[in-house]
C-alpha atoms as a PDB file:
ATOM      1  CA  MET A   1       1.598   8.569  -8.308  1.00  0.00           C
ATOM      2  CA  VAL A   2       1.524  11.301  -6.053  1.00  0.00           C
ATOM      3  CA  GLN A   3       1.643  14.019  -9.221  1.00  0.00           C
ATOM      4  CA  ALA A   4      -1.202  12.122 -10.974  1.00  0.00           C
ATOM      5  CA  ASN A   5      -3.113  12.010  -7.884  1.00  0.00           C
ATOM      6  CA  SER A   6      -3.163  15.647  -7.282  1.00  0.00           C
ATOM      7  CA  GLU A   7      -4.433  16.239 -10.906  1.00  0.00           C
ATOM      8  CA  ARG A   8      -7.695  14.270  -9.998  1.00  0.00           C
ATOM      9  CA  ALA A   9     -11.078  15.958  -9.449  1.00  0.00           C
ATOM     10  CA  LEU A  10     -11.225  13.959  -5.984  1.00  0.00           C
ATOM     11  CA  PRO A  11      -7.591  13.084  -5.093  1.00  0.00           C
ATOM     12  CA  ILE A  12      -7.153  10.203  -2.470  1.00  0.00           C
ATOM     13  CA  GLU A  13      -4.712  10.773   0.517  1.00  0.00           C
ATOM     14  CA  ILE A  14      -1.430   9.318  -0.093  1.00  0.00           C
ATOM     15  CA  ALA A  15       1.746   9.184   2.192  1.00  0.00           C
ATOM     16  CA  CYS A  16       4.894   8.117   1.106  1.00  0.00           C
ATOM     17  CA  ILE A  17       7.817   6.363   3.210  1.00  0.00           C
ATOM     18  CA  GLY A  18      10.418   8.817   3.916  1.00  0.00           C
ATOM     19  CA  GLU A  19       8.160  11.934   3.919  1.00  0.00           C
ATOM     20  CA  TYR A  20       7.199  14.070   7.408  1.00  0.00           C
ATOM     21  CA  GLY A  21       4.572  11.734   9.169  1.00  0.00           C
ATOM     22  CA  ALA A  22       5.576   8.433   7.765  1.00  0.00           C
ATOM     23  CA  PRO A  23       8.102   6.096   8.681  1.00  0.00           C
ATOM     24  CA  ARG A  24      11.878   6.798   7.453  1.00  0.00           C
ATOM     25  CA  LEU A  25      13.507   5.568   4.208  1.00  0.00           C
ATOM     26  CA  ALA A  26      14.945   2.016   4.963  1.00  0.00           C
ATOM     27  CA  SER A  27      12.402   1.440   7.755  1.00  0.00           C
ATOM     28  CA  LEU A  28      11.784  -2.323   8.265  1.00  0.00           C
ATOM     29  CA  ASP A  29       8.739  -3.871   6.551  1.00  0.00           C
ATOM     30  CA  THR A  30       7.349  -4.774   9.906  1.00  0.00           C
ATOM     31  CA  ASP A  31       7.686  -1.163  11.353  1.00  0.00           C
ATOM     32  CA  ILE A  32       5.853  -0.240   8.102  1.00  0.00           C
ATOM     33  CA  LEU A  33       3.000  -2.522   8.428  1.00  0.00           C
ATOM     34  CA  ILE A  34       2.492  -1.420  12.103  1.00  0.00           C
ATOM     35  CA  TRP A  35       2.432   2.265  10.828  1.00  0.00           C
ATOM     36  CA  ALA A  36       0.025   1.387   8.089  1.00  0.00           C
ATOM     37  CA  GLU A  37      -2.305  -0.329  10.254  1.00  0.00           C
ATOM     38  CA  GLN A  38      -2.273   2.394  12.769  1.00  0.00           C
ATOM     39  CA  GLN A  39      -2.777   4.987  10.302  1.00  0.00           C
ATOM     40  CA  GLY A  40      -5.383   3.194   8.188  1.00  0.00           C
ATOM     41  CA  TYR A  41      -3.472   2.960   4.973  1.00  0.00           C
ATOM     42  CA  VAL A  42      -3.281   0.497   2.244  1.00  0.00           C
ATOM     43  CA  VAL A  43       0.632  -0.406   1.615  1.00  0.00           C
ATOM     44  CA  ALA A  44       1.748  -0.347  -2.385  1.00  0.00           C
ATOM     45  CA  SER A  45       5.104  -2.011  -2.158  1.00  0.00           C
ATOM     46  CA  GLY A  46       7.473  -3.405  -4.914  1.00  0.00           C
ATOM     47  CA  ASP A  47       9.001  -5.647  -2.472  1.00  0.00           C
ATOM     48  CA  VAL A  48       7.705  -8.717  -3.468  1.00  0.00           C
ATOM     49  CA  LYS A  49       9.993 -10.922  -2.031  1.00  0.00           C
ATOM     50  CA  THR A  50       9.872 -10.246   1.584  1.00  0.00           C
ATOM     51  CA  MET A  51       6.603  -8.455   1.951  1.00  0.00           C
ATOM     52  CA  PRO A  52       4.263 -11.424   1.727  1.00  0.00           C
ATOM     53  CA  GLU A  53       6.133 -13.252   4.684  1.00  0.00           C
ATOM     54  CA  THR A  54       6.173 -10.084   6.675  1.00  0.00           C
ATOM     55  CA  LEU A  55       2.206  -9.796   6.346  1.00  0.00           C
ATOM     56  CA  ALA A  56       2.011 -13.327   7.095  1.00  0.00           C
ATOM     57  CA  ARG A  57       3.671 -12.701  10.241  1.00  0.00           C
ATOM     58  CA  HIS A  58       2.101  -9.635  11.054  1.00  0.00           C
ATOM     59  CA  LEU A  59      -1.368 -11.647  11.019  1.00  0.00           C
ATOM     60  CA  ARG A  60      -0.112 -14.283  12.899  1.00  0.00           C
ATOM     61  CA  ASN A  61       0.519 -11.870  15.756  1.00  0.00           C
ATOM     62  CA  GLY A  62      -2.919 -10.846  15.763  1.00  0.00           C
ATOM     63  CA  ARG A  63      -2.554  -7.650  13.745  1.00  0.00           C
ATOM     64  CA  HIS A  64      -4.405  -6.440  10.895  1.00  0.00           C
ATOM     65  CA  LEU A  65      -3.785  -4.337   7.890  1.00  0.00           C
ATOM     66  CA  PRO A  66      -6.144  -2.589   5.155  1.00  0.00           C
ATOM     67  CA  GLY A  67      -4.173  -4.397   2.517  1.00  0.00           C
ATOM     68  CA  ILE A  68      -1.284  -4.291   0.354  1.00  0.00           C
ATOM     69  CA  PHE A  69      -0.847  -3.998  -3.299  1.00  0.00           C
ATOM     70  CA  LEU A  70       2.426  -5.833  -4.571  1.00  0.00           C
ATOM     71  CA  ILE A  71       3.430  -4.115  -7.507  1.00  0.00           C
ATOM     72  CA  HIS A  72       5.518  -6.336 -10.189  1.00  0.00           C
ATOM     73  CA  LEU A  73       7.997  -4.006 -11.928  1.00  0.00           C
ATOM     74  CA  PRO A  74       9.043  -3.351 -14.496  1.00  0.00           C
ATOM     75  CA  GLY A  75       5.446  -2.370 -15.549  1.00  0.00           C
ATOM     76  CA  SER A  76       3.206   0.510 -17.243  1.00  0.00           C
ATOM     77  CA  ILE A  77       3.104   3.459 -14.984  1.00  0.00           C
ATOM     78  CA  PRO A  78      -0.111   4.546 -16.215  1.00  0.00           C
ATOM     79  CA  GLN A  79      -1.741   1.131 -15.882  1.00  0.00           C
ATOM     80  CA  LEU A  80      -0.162   0.891 -12.386  1.00  0.00           C
ATOM     81  CA  MET A  81      -1.815   4.423 -11.431  1.00  0.00           C
ATOM     82  CA  GLU A  82      -5.185   3.349 -13.035  1.00  0.00           C
ATOM     83  CA  ALA A  83      -5.085  -0.002 -10.981  1.00  0.00           C
ATOM     84  CA  LEU A  84      -4.215   1.627  -7.938  1.00  0.00           C
ATOM     85  CA  LEU A  85      -6.846   4.536  -8.289  1.00  0.00           C
ATOM     86  CA  TYR A  86      -9.390   1.923  -9.285  1.00  0.00           C
ATOM     87  CA  TYR A  87      -9.063   0.051  -6.014  1.00  0.00           C
ATOM     88  CA  ALA A  88      -8.748   3.112  -3.678  1.00  0.00           C
ATOM     89  CA  THR A  89     -11.817   4.512  -5.201  1.00  0.00           C
ATOM     90  CA  GLU A  90     -13.994   1.731  -6.482  1.00  0.00           C
ATOM     91  CA  SER A  91     -13.665  -0.483  -3.400  1.00  0.00           C
ATOM     92  CA  SER A  92     -15.574  -0.652  -0.124  1.00  0.00           C
ATOM     93  CA  GLU A  93     -13.263   0.444   2.721  1.00  0.00           C
ATOM     94  CA  ASP A  94     -12.604  -3.382   4.340  1.00  0.00           C
ATOM     95  CA  GLU A  95     -12.656  -4.799   0.760  1.00  0.00           C
ATOM     96  CA  TRP A  96      -8.884  -5.576   1.072  1.00  0.00           C
ATOM     97  CA  LEU A  97      -8.622  -6.208   4.897  1.00  0.00           C
ATOM     98  CA  ASP A  98      -5.454  -8.343   5.420  1.00  0.00           C
ATOM     99  CA  ALA A  99      -5.441  -9.312   2.034  1.00  0.00           C
ATOM    100  CA  LEU A 100      -2.445  -9.138  -0.511  1.00  0.00           C
ATOM    101  CA  VAL A 101      -3.070  -8.061  -4.108  1.00  0.00           C
ATOM    102  CA  HIS A 102      -0.738  -8.638  -7.177  1.00  0.00           C
ATOM    103  CA  VAL A 103      -0.888  -5.485  -9.338  1.00  0.00           C
ATOM    104  CA  PRO A 104       0.637  -6.511 -12.442  1.00  0.00           C
END
């Protein structure tokens, strides 16, 4: 995703878990959501088992999140890229606020 994004005329900002400035690999879902909320990042995750409940708990605790896109794998990487880049560039800033979106 990072490579395809860098080849776009107008790339979007992407942070990856485990990279400098982001939570470390194997961080708890709760910590990732708090970090994403503080930094203003939408979360793209393949964790379809635990992330929905973690988001629900996050919201019950009075917190918010720019959104979560749950990725169902295996899937077509090009189609996934198209969908995520579409959501990032064709949506209003708060369109996905506190939402959980399933990406095929």
